């Protein structure tokens, strides 16, 4: 799924005027957040709903922002391999 998103997003960003390497980096950084959202948000939703509350995006981001940073750093590290 992430590969398909990257392949769709990268040329579109380049068409908007970004250079090809910059478009690739931007697409990679944006797509790297997809697995983060798909893995942490459902887990948080289950835990908070079991407590009888609704998940709050601000609390979710504050609690897991370090993990999002790791996904972004990992993605930017892969740029040199491309």
C-alpha atoms as a PDB file:
ATOM      1  CA  UNK A   1       0.000   0.000   0.000  1.00  0.00           C
ATOM      2  CA  UNK A   2       2.748   2.459   0.933  1.00  0.00           C
ATOM      3  CA  UNK A   3       4.670   1.653  -2.231  1.00  0.00           C
ATOM      4  CA  UNK A   4       1.614   2.372  -4.361  1.00  0.00           C
ATOM      5  CA  UNK A   5       1.042   5.653  -2.524  1.00  0.00           C
ATOM      6  CA  UNK A   6       4.673   6.631  -3.024  1.00  0.00           C
ATOM      7  CA  UNK A   7       4.555   5.806  -6.736  1.00  0.00           C
ATOM      8  CA  UNK A   8       1.391   7.866  -7.136  1.00  0.00           C
ATOM      9  CA  UNK A   9       2.500  10.816  -5.026  1.00  0.00           C
ATOM     10  CA  UNK A  10       6.083  11.280  -6.219  1.00  0.00           C
ATOM     11  CA  UNK A  11       5.307  12.194  -9.865  1.00  0.00           C
ATOM     12  CA  UNK A  12       2.461  14.463  -8.764  1.00  0.00           C
ATOM     13  CA  UNK A  13       4.773  16.400  -6.482  1.00  0.00           C
ATOM     14  CA  UNK A  14       7.299  16.653  -9.319  1.00  0.00           C
ATOM     15  CA  UNK A  15       4.536  17.934 -11.610  1.00  0.00           C
ATOM     16  CA  UNK A  16       3.837  20.698  -9.100  1.00  0.00           C
ATOM     17  CA  UNK A  17       7.318  22.034  -9.706  1.00  0.00           C
ATOM     18  CA  UNK A  18       9.481  20.183  -7.197  1.00  0.00           C
ATOM     19  CA  UNK A  19      12.688  18.665  -8.485  1.00  0.00           C
ATOM     20  CA  UNK A  20      12.562  14.887  -8.864  1.00  0.00           C
ATOM     21  CA  UNK A  21      14.799  14.174  -5.822  1.00  0.00           C
ATOM     22  CA  UNK A  22      12.866  16.657  -3.676  1.00  0.00           C
ATOM     23  CA  UNK A  23       9.552  15.193  -4.805  1.00  0.00           C
ATOM     24  CA  UNK A  24      10.823  11.725  -3.962  1.00  0.00           C
ATOM     25  CA  UNK A  25      11.927  12.806  -0.490  1.00  0.00           C
ATOM     26  CA  UNK A  26       8.661  14.629   0.198  1.00  0.00           C
ATOM     27  CA  UNK A  27       6.601  11.662  -0.990  1.00  0.00           C
ATOM     28  CA  UNK A  28       8.668   9.267   1.105  1.00  0.00           C
ATOM     29  CA  UNK A  29       8.279  11.382   4.228  1.00  0.00           C
ATOM     30  CA  UNK A  30       4.519  11.733   3.732  1.00  0.00           C
ATOM     31  CA  UNK A  31       4.012   8.050   2.998  1.00  0.00           C
ATOM     32  CA  UNK A  32       6.144   7.007   5.973  1.00  0.00           C
ATOM     33  CA  UNK A  33       3.456   8.344   8.312  1.00  0.00           C
ATOM     34  CA  UNK A  34       0.803   5.965   6.942  1.00  0.00           C
ATOM     35  CA  UNK A  35       2.038   2.871   8.845  1.00  0.00           C
ATOM     36  CA  UNK A  36       2.407   5.013  11.962  1.00  0.00           C
ATOM     37  CA  UNK A  37      -1.224   6.124  11.804  1.00  0.00           C
ATOM     38  CA  UNK A  38      -2.519   2.676  10.856  1.00  0.00           C
ATOM     39  CA  UNK A  39      -0.754   0.968  13.761  1.00  0.00           C
ATOM     40  CA  UNK A  40      -1.030   3.417  16.644  1.00  0.00           C
ATOM     41  CA  UNK A  41      -4.439   5.017  16.154  1.00  0.00           C
ATOM     42  CA  UNK A  42      -6.522   1.801  16.253  1.00  0.00           C
ATOM     43  CA  UNK A  43      -4.654   0.646  19.362  1.00  0.00           C
ATOM     44  CA  UNK A  44      -5.290   3.960  21.096  1.00  0.00           C
ATOM     45  CA  UNK A  45      -8.940   3.880  20.049  1.00  0.00           C
ATOM     46  CA  UNK A  46      -9.458   0.430  21.563  1.00  0.00           C
ATOM     47  CA  UNK A  47      -7.824   1.392  24.853  1.00  0.00           C
ATOM     48  CA  UNK A  48      -9.718   4.660  25.235  1.00  0.00           C
ATOM     49  CA  UNK A  49     -13.066   3.187  24.170  1.00  0.00           C
ATOM     50  CA  UNK A  50     -12.661   0.426  26.762  1.00  0.00           C
ATOM     51  CA  UNK A  51     -12.249   3.166  29.349  1.00  0.00           C
ATOM     52  CA  UNK A  52     -15.519   4.725  28.189  1.00  0.00           C
ATOM     53  CA  UNK A  53     -13.954   7.748  26.500  1.00  0.00           C
ATOM     54  CA  UNK A  54     -13.401   8.859  22.920  1.00  0.00           C
ATOM     55  CA  UNK A  55      -9.885   9.023  21.475  1.00  0.00           C
ATOM     56  CA  UNK A  56      -8.518  12.547  21.263  1.00  0.00           C
ATOM     57  CA  UNK A  57      -6.137  13.225  18.368  1.00  0.00           C
ATOM     58  CA  UNK A  58      -4.161  15.834  20.325  1.00  0.00           C
ATOM     59  CA  UNK A  59      -3.419  13.403  23.162  1.00  0.00           C
ATOM     60  CA  UNK A  60      -2.611  10.682  20.650  1.00  0.00           C
ATOM     61  CA  UNK A  61      -0.103  12.887  18.849  1.00  0.00           C
ATOM     62  CA  UNK A  62       1.461  14.148  22.080  1.00  0.00           C
ATOM     63  CA  UNK A  63       1.848  10.617  23.389  1.00  0.00           C
ATOM     64  CA  UNK A  64       3.216   9.098  20.202  1.00  0.00           C
ATOM     65  CA  UNK A  65       5.021  11.986  18.494  1.00  0.00           C
ATOM     66  CA  UNK A  66       8.386  10.399  19.306  1.00  0.00           C
ATOM     67  CA  UNK A  67       7.308   7.344  17.324  1.00  0.00           C
ATOM     68  CA  UNK A  68       6.278   9.495  14.349  1.00  0.00           C
ATOM     69  CA  UNK A  69       9.706  11.128  14.461  1.00  0.00           C
ATOM     70  CA  UNK A  70      11.335   7.687  14.274  1.00  0.00           C
ATOM     71  CA  UNK A  71       9.265   6.803  11.197  1.00  0.00           C
ATOM     72  CA  UNK A  72      10.308  10.073   9.533  1.00  0.00           C
ATOM     73  CA  UNK A  73      13.999   9.610  10.364  1.00  0.00           C
ATOM     74  CA  UNK A  74      13.881   6.060   9.081  1.00  0.00           C
ATOM     75  CA  UNK A  75      12.286   7.230   5.832  1.00  0.00           C
ATOM     76  CA  UNK A  76      14.803  10.023   5.324  1.00  0.00           C
ATOM     77  CA  UNK A  77      17.629   7.557   5.924  1.00  0.00           C
ATOM     78  CA  UNK A  78      16.325   5.436   3.037  1.00  0.00           C
ATOM     79  CA  UNK A  79      16.591   8.317   0.561  1.00  0.00           C
ATOM     80  CA  UNK A  80      20.315   7.756   0.128  1.00  0.00           C
ATOM     81  CA  UNK A  81      19.693   4.126  -0.824  1.00  0.00           C
ATOM     82  CA  UNK A  82      17.357   5.036  -3.662  1.00  0.00           C
END
